[in-house]
Amino acid sequence: MNLSDKTILVTGGTGSFGKTFIRELLENRSPKKIIVFSRDELKQFEMSQRFPVERYPNLRYFIGDVRDRDRLHRALDGVDIVVHAAALKQVPAAEYNPLEAIKTNILGAANIIDSSIDCGVERVVALSTDKAANPINLYGATKLCSDKLFIAGNNYVGKNCTRFSVVRYGNVVGSRGSVIPFFQEMKKTGVLPITDVRMTRFWIKLEQGVQFVLDSLERMRGGEIFVPKIPSMRIVDLARAIAPECRTKIVGIRPGEKLHEVMVPVDDARNTLEYDDYFAILPPFAVASKDEPMKGGKRCADGFSYGSDTNTWWLTTEEMLELTSA
């Protein structure tokens, strides 16, 4: 996708994904303008030391909160593409502060949708999570609600050209809050806490997530949830890969945590198309997209699900070590 004449705004632009995504844009895509939209002035200052506007004249830093619709309106003036990565995503924090998670993850999503339509944004891709599929914690529930809002947003764009789609993927290797840096720190104690020996998770590198979002921006028609095909690994095997010299201690599953994650639930299979390296969950209702629906792909069979425990692609110890050292 040619981005040279596009203005792109990234919410949560100072987060792990945002910084990696913006680095890719600056180094390899050269868009007309990039707007970093986030609420933390310190993180923006630190990011500006790494990406100074003197060296990158097409980069702008914009302090704001997705909860503030008026500020979003100002920030989205002249914007062509929005990548929505802002969220409150720590599961325990969301359980303890439920209304804060709702204000950011749900009401903030509604503000993005309304402001994008009002300002004539062309395309919006919202980042989701495997925890949004069959959620059992508040964070997952807010992201499921957010996903539903973005898909439905295609139906009230009116005569505007705005299209909305969602990208859903699993745990990001090495991101803030990931279990990997936690295990690396706990190596010093000689003991790694394991919740359950059966627990599995999907894994993806930040750079892969960034590329998948860029690919999804190009292929989107409006209303899809895009899910990459990525490998699984048991948490106990991950611990042994990172610190084979340490012993493990079973501590039990934490509140709001699943044994296994799912990215395409059984009930969505009938609306899902499978491609070589990704799935596209189509909306269960017609959306008012200005484009033709997606072509190709193989319709998933009833009863299919894409879960971290039933995955056919598993990481070896060597592959995980290569990911964590990259």
Protein backbone atom coordinates (compact mmCIF):
# COMPACT_ATOMS: atom_id res chain seq x y z
CA MET A 1 0.00 0.00 0.00
CA ASN A 2 1.42 3.38 -1.01
CA LEU A 3 1.36 5.62 2.05
CA SER A 4 3.44 8.49 0.65
CA ASP A 5 0.46 10.82 0.34
CA LYS A 6 -1.30 9.68 3.54
CA THR A 7 -1.56 11.23 6.98
CA ILE A 8 -1.62 8.49 9.64
CA LEU A 9 -2.62 8.87 13.29
CA VAL A 10 -1.67 6.18 15.82
CA THR A 11 -3.49 6.18 19.14
CA GLY A 12 -1.38 4.76 21.93
CA GLY A 13 1.57 5.73 19.75
CA THR A 14 4.09 5.59 22.60
CA GLY A 15 3.29 1.97 23.50
CA SER A 16 5.23 -1.12 22.43
CA PHE A 17 3.25 -1.59 19.24
CA GLY A 18 3.00 2.13 18.49
CA LYS A 19 6.74 2.76 18.62
CA THR A 20 7.53 -0.26 16.44
CA PHE A 21 4.78 0.63 13.96
CA ILE A 22 5.93 4.24 13.71
CA ARG A 23 9.57 3.18 13.27
CA GLU A 24 8.49 1.02 10.31
CA LEU A 25 6.58 3.94 8.80
CA LEU A 26 9.50 6.32 9.21
CA GLU A 27 12.17 3.97 7.91
CA ASN A 28 10.35 2.16 5.11
CA ARG A 29 7.02 3.81 4.21
CA SER A 30 7.57 7.62 4.24
CA PRO A 31 3.97 8.79 4.70
CA LYS A 32 3.05 12.44 4.32
CA LYS A 33 2.57 12.84 8.08
CA ILE A 34 2.52 10.64 11.19
CA ILE A 35 0.72 11.77 14.34
CA VAL A 36 1.60 10.15 17.66
CA PHE A 37 -1.55 10.46 19.79
CA SER A 38 -1.19 9.53 23.47
CA ARG A 39 -1.80 10.94 26.92
CA ASP A 40 1.63 10.56 28.58
CA GLU A 41 3.86 13.58 28.04
CA LEU A 42 6.92 11.82 29.51
CA LYS A 43 6.64 8.91 27.08
CA GLN A 44 6.22 11.37 24.22
CA PHE A 45 9.33 13.25 25.36
CA GLU A 46 11.31 10.02 25.57
CA MET A 47 10.06 8.94 22.15
CA SER A 48 10.99 12.31 20.67
CA GLN A 49 14.59 11.71 21.80
CA ARG A 50 14.65 8.56 19.70
CA PHE A 51 12.64 10.02 16.82
CA PRO A 52 13.33 13.79 16.86
CA VAL A 53 11.18 15.97 14.62
CA GLU A 54 14.35 17.63 13.33
CA ARG A 55 15.32 14.33 11.73
CA TYR A 56 11.76 13.27 10.93
CA PRO A 57 9.91 16.43 9.85
CA ASN A 58 6.75 14.45 9.00
CA LEU A 59 6.35 13.33 12.63
CA ARG A 60 4.05 15.09 15.12
CA TYR A 61 3.45 14.49 18.82
CA PHE A 62 -0.11 15.15 19.97
CA ILE A 63 -1.10 14.84 23.63
CA GLY A 64 -4.64 13.64 24.08
CA ASP A 65 -6.89 10.90 25.41
CA VAL A 66 -9.32 8.78 23.40
CA ARG A 67 -11.85 9.52 26.12
CA ASP A 68 -11.82 13.17 24.99
CA ARG A 69 -13.91 13.41 21.83
CA ASP A 70 -13.22 17.10 21.25
CA ARG A 71 -9.49 16.52 21.34
CA LEU A 72 -9.86 13.61 18.91
CA HIS A 73 -11.75 15.86 16.51
CA ARG A 74 -8.88 18.31 16.54
CA ALA A 75 -6.26 15.57 16.12
CA LEU A 76 -8.10 13.86 13.25
CA ASP A 77 -8.38 16.94 11.07
CA GLY A 78 -6.88 15.97 7.71
CA VAL A 79 -6.07 12.39 8.78
CA ASP A 80 -6.47 9.59 6.20
CA ILE A 81 -5.70 6.48 8.28
CA VAL A 82 -6.12 5.68 11.98
CA VAL A 83 -4.44 2.77 13.73
CA HIS A 84 -6.12 2.47 17.12
CA ALA A 85 -3.72 0.87 19.59
CA ALA A 86 -4.65 2.75 22.78
CA ALA A 87 -6.14 0.58 25.53
CA LEU A 88 -6.05 -0.28 29.20
CA LYS A 89 -4.88 -3.88 28.85
CA GLN A 90 -3.64 -5.16 32.20
CA VAL A 91 -6.12 -7.81 33.31
CA PRO A 92 -5.80 -7.30 37.12
CA ALA A 93 -5.96 -3.50 36.76
CA ALA A 94 -9.12 -3.76 34.66
CA GLU A 95 -10.75 -6.05 37.23
CA TYR A 96 -9.91 -3.61 40.04
CA ASN A 97 -10.79 -0.47 38.05
CA PRO A 98 -13.63 -1.64 35.79
CA LEU A 99 -15.11 1.74 34.94
CA GLU A 100 -11.71 3.07 33.89
CA ALA A 101 -11.32 0.16 31.46
CA ILE A 102 -14.82 0.77 30.12
CA LYS A 103 -14.17 4.49 29.61
CA THR A 104 -10.98 3.88 27.63
CA ASN A 105 -11.64 0.61 25.82
CA ILE A 106 -15.34 1.01 25.01
CA LEU A 107 -16.23 4.70 25.17
CA GLY A 108 -12.85 5.58 23.70
CA ALA A 109 -13.59 3.23 20.78
CA ALA A 110 -16.94 4.94 20.25
CA ASN A 111 -15.18 8.32 20.19
CA ILE A 112 -12.69 7.05 17.60
CA ILE A 113 -15.53 5.79 15.40
CA ASP A 114 -17.64 8.95 15.58
CA SER A 115 -14.70 11.31 15.17
CA SER A 116 -13.27 9.33 12.25
CA ILE A 117 -16.59 9.50 10.42
CA ASP A 118 -17.06 13.20 11.16
CA CYS A 119 -13.51 14.04 10.03
CA GLY A 120 -13.64 11.97 6.84
CA VAL A 121 -10.94 9.42 7.77
CA GLU A 122 -10.61 6.79 5.02
CA ARG A 123 -9.58 3.68 6.95
CA VAL A 124 -9.46 2.67 10.61
CA VAL A 125 -7.83 -0.49 11.92
CA ALA A 126 -8.37 -1.24 15.62
CA LEU A 127 -6.07 -3.60 17.51
CA SER A 128 -7.81 -6.31 19.49
CA THR A 129 -6.67 -9.32 21.50
CA ASP A 130 -7.24 -13.05 21.79
CA LYS A 131 -8.86 -12.27 25.14
CA ALA A 132 -11.80 -10.69 23.27
CA ALA A 133 -12.90 -14.12 22.02
CA ASN A 134 -15.21 -15.79 24.56
CA PRO A 135 -13.99 -13.39 27.28
CA ILE A 136 -13.90 -14.36 30.95
CA ASN A 137 -12.31 -11.16 32.29
CA LEU A 138 -13.34 -7.52 32.06
CA TYR A 139 -10.46 -6.55 29.80
CA GLY A 140 -11.50 -9.17 27.25
CA ALA A 141 -15.15 -8.13 27.57
CA THR A 142 -14.32 -4.48 26.90
CA LYS A 143 -12.26 -5.44 23.85
CA LEU A 144 -15.06 -7.66 22.52
CA CYS A 145 -17.44 -4.73 22.90
CA SER A 146 -14.90 -2.49 21.16
CA ASP A 147 -14.61 -5.00 18.28
CA LYS A 148 -18.39 -5.05 17.89
CA LEU A 149 -18.51 -1.25 17.83
CA PHE A 150 -15.87 -0.98 15.12
CA ILE A 151 -17.56 -3.57 12.92
CA ALA A 152 -20.97 -1.92 13.36
CA GLY A 153 -19.40 1.48 12.63
CA ASN A 154 -19.40 0.53 8.95
CA ASN A 155 -23.19 0.72 9.00
CA TYR A 156 -23.55 4.32 10.07
CA VAL A 157 -20.92 6.06 7.99
CA GLY A 158 -23.70 7.39 5.76
CA LYS A 159 -22.33 8.97 2.59
CA ASN A 160 -18.81 9.12 4.05
CA CYS A 161 -16.02 6.82 2.90
CA THR A 162 -14.78 5.64 6.31
CA ARG A 163 -14.18 1.91 6.69
CA PHE A 164 -13.48 0.05 9.92
CA SER A 165 -11.78 -3.31 10.50
CA VAL A 166 -10.14 -5.09 13.43
CA VAL A 167 -6.87 -6.99 13.86
CA ARG A 168 -6.79 -9.67 16.56
CA TYR A 169 -3.65 -11.50 17.62
CA GLY A 170 -2.04 -13.20 20.63
CA ASN A 171 0.72 -12.51 23.12
CA VAL A 172 3.50 -10.28 21.83
CA VAL A 173 7.01 -11.56 22.52
CA GLY A 174 8.81 -9.17 24.86
CA SER A 175 6.13 -6.46 25.03
CA ARG A 176 5.54 -4.56 28.24
CA GLY A 177 3.62 -6.76 30.65
CA SER A 178 4.57 -9.94 28.79
CA VAL A 179 5.49 -13.05 30.78
CA ILE A 180 8.83 -13.26 28.96
CA PRO A 181 10.53 -10.25 30.61
CA PHE A 182 8.94 -11.41 33.88
CA PHE A 183 10.57 -14.85 33.55
CA GLN A 184 13.87 -13.25 32.58
CA GLU A 185 13.78 -11.19 35.76
CA MET A 186 12.74 -14.15 37.92
CA LYS A 187 15.74 -16.15 36.67
CA LYS A 188 17.72 -14.33 39.33
CA THR A 189 15.73 -16.08 42.06
CA GLY A 190 16.20 -19.57 40.64
CA VAL A 191 12.44 -20.23 40.67
CA LEU A 192 9.87 -19.48 37.94
CA PRO A 193 6.20 -19.41 38.97
CA ILE A 194 3.94 -21.37 36.59
CA THR A 195 0.18 -21.04 36.77
CA ASP A 196 -0.64 -24.44 35.22
CA VAL A 197 1.46 -26.97 33.28
CA ARG A 198 -1.33 -27.30 30.68
CA MET A 199 -1.53 -23.58 29.88
CA THR A 200 -0.87 -22.56 26.26
CA ARG A 201 -0.64 -19.22 24.48
CA PHE A 202 -0.29 -17.85 20.96
CA TRP A 203 2.94 -15.92 20.27
CA ILE A 204 3.83 -13.20 17.77
CA LYS A 205 6.74 -10.78 17.40
CA LEU A 206 6.06 -7.05 17.43
CA GLU A 207 7.46 -6.70 13.93
CA GLN A 208 5.13 -9.43 12.70
CA GLY A 209 2.18 -7.68 14.31
CA VAL A 210 3.16 -4.42 12.63
CA GLN A 211 3.41 -6.07 9.22
CA PHE A 212 0.07 -7.81 9.73
CA VAL A 213 -1.61 -4.49 10.51
CA LEU A 214 -0.10 -2.95 7.36
CA ASP A 215 -1.27 -5.93 5.30
CA SER A 216 -4.74 -5.67 6.85
CA LEU A 217 -4.93 -1.97 6.01
CA GLU A 218 -4.43 -2.89 2.38
CA ARG A 219 -6.77 -5.88 2.18
CA MET A 220 -9.62 -4.54 4.35
CA ARG A 221 -13.04 -3.93 2.83
CA GLY A 222 -14.77 -2.94 6.05
CA GLY A 223 -16.19 -5.14 8.78
CA GLU A 224 -13.56 -7.88 8.97
CA ILE A 225 -11.67 -9.17 12.00
CA PHE A 226 -8.27 -10.32 10.73
CA VAL A 227 -6.48 -13.09 12.65
CA PRO A 228 -2.92 -14.15 11.72
CA LYS A 229 -1.83 -17.78 11.79
CA ILE A 230 0.83 -17.83 14.50
CA PRO A 231 2.46 -20.53 16.65
CA SER A 232 1.56 -21.75 20.14
CA MET A 233 3.71 -22.77 23.08
CA ARG A 234 3.01 -24.12 26.54
CA ILE A 235 3.95 -21.68 29.29
CA VAL A 236 5.93 -24.38 31.10
CA ASP A 237 7.96 -25.02 27.94
CA LEU A 238 8.53 -21.28 27.60
CA ALA A 239 9.88 -21.17 31.16
CA ARG A 240 12.23 -24.08 30.46
CA ALA A 241 13.42 -22.40 27.26
CA ILE A 242 14.22 -19.11 29.02
CA ALA A 243 15.70 -20.57 32.21
CA PRO A 244 16.44 -24.30 31.95
CA GLU A 245 18.58 -24.07 35.10
CA CYS A 246 15.65 -22.87 37.24
CA ARG A 247 13.04 -24.98 38.95
CA THR A 248 9.36 -24.23 38.44
CA LYS A 249 6.67 -23.72 41.04
CA ILE A 250 2.97 -24.22 40.28
CA VAL A 251 1.02 -21.28 41.71
CA GLY A 252 -2.42 -21.79 40.15
CA ILE A 253 -4.44 -19.87 37.56
CA ARG A 254 -5.05 -16.26 38.42
CA PRO A 255 -8.55 -14.71 38.42
CA GLY A 256 -9.69 -13.84 34.90
CA GLU A 257 -7.13 -16.13 33.26
CA LYS A 258 -7.79 -18.98 30.80
CA LEU A 259 -5.93 -22.24 30.32
CA HIS A 260 -5.96 -21.66 26.56
CA GLU A 261 -6.73 -18.71 24.32
CA VAL A 262 -8.99 -18.70 21.28
CA MET A 263 -8.87 -16.29 18.34
CA VAL A 264 -11.62 -17.79 16.16
CA PRO A 265 -14.40 -19.15 18.41
CA VAL A 266 -16.61 -22.04 17.28
CA ASP A 267 -19.61 -19.77 16.89
CA ASP A 268 -17.70 -17.50 14.48
CA ALA A 269 -16.48 -20.35 12.25
CA ARG A 270 -19.46 -20.16 9.91
CA ASN A 271 -18.56 -16.56 9.11
CA THR A 272 -14.81 -17.14 8.77
CA LEU A 273 -12.67 -17.41 5.65
CA GLU A 274 -9.29 -19.16 5.83
CA TYR A 275 -6.36 -17.94 3.73
CA ASP A 276 -2.78 -19.20 3.55
CA ASP A 277 -1.48 -17.19 6.50
CA TYR A 278 -4.53 -15.63 8.15
CA PHE A 279 -8.25 -15.89 8.88
CA ALA A 280 -10.86 -13.24 8.16
CA ILE A 281 -13.93 -13.28 10.41
CA LEU A 282 -16.67 -11.60 8.39
CA PRO A 283 -19.53 -9.76 10.10
CA PRO A 284 -22.62 -11.90 10.68
CA PHE A 285 -24.72 -9.14 9.11
CA ALA A 286 -24.32 -7.08 5.94
CA VAL A 287 -22.20 -3.98 6.36
CA ALA A 288 -22.47 -0.85 4.27
CA SER A 289 -18.98 -1.16 2.77
CA LYS A 290 -18.20 0.83 -0.35
CA ASP A 291 -16.04 -2.03 -1.66
CA GLU A 292 -16.71 -5.52 -2.95
CA PRO A 293 -16.53 -8.18 -0.20
CA MET A 294 -13.33 -10.18 0.21
CA LYS A 295 -12.62 -12.78 -2.45
CA GLY A 296 -11.05 -16.20 -2.23
CA GLY A 297 -10.38 -17.99 0.99
CA LYS A 298 -11.91 -21.23 2.18
CA ARG A 299 -15.03 -21.16 4.32
CA CYS A 300 -14.33 -22.73 7.71
CA ALA A 301 -16.45 -25.71 8.65
CA ASP A 302 -19.04 -25.57 11.41
CA GLY A 303 -17.40 -26.58 14.67
CA PHE A 304 -13.99 -25.20 13.71
CA SER A 305 -12.11 -23.08 16.21
CA TYR A 306 -8.63 -21.61 16.26
CA GLY A 307 -7.24 -22.09 19.76
CA SER A 308 -3.78 -22.11 21.26
CA ASP A 309 -4.24 -25.72 22.46
CA THR A 310 -5.55 -27.13 19.15
CA ASN A 311 -3.10 -25.22 16.98
CA THR A 312 -1.08 -27.23 14.46
CA TRP A 313 1.94 -24.90 14.68
CA TRP A 314 4.07 -25.15 17.82
CA LEU A 315 7.27 -23.33 18.72
CA THR A 316 10.33 -25.35 19.63
CA THR A 317 12.66 -24.24 22.42
CA GLU A 318 15.22 -23.11 19.84
CA GLU A 319 12.63 -21.08 17.92
CA MET A 320 11.42 -19.31 21.06
CA LEU A 321 14.99 -18.51 22.10
CA GLU A 322 15.59 -17.06 18.66
CA LEU A 323 12.46 -14.89 19.02
CA THR A 324 13.39 -13.64 22.47
CA SER A 325 16.96 -12.81 21.49
CA ALA A 326 16.06 -11.01 18.25
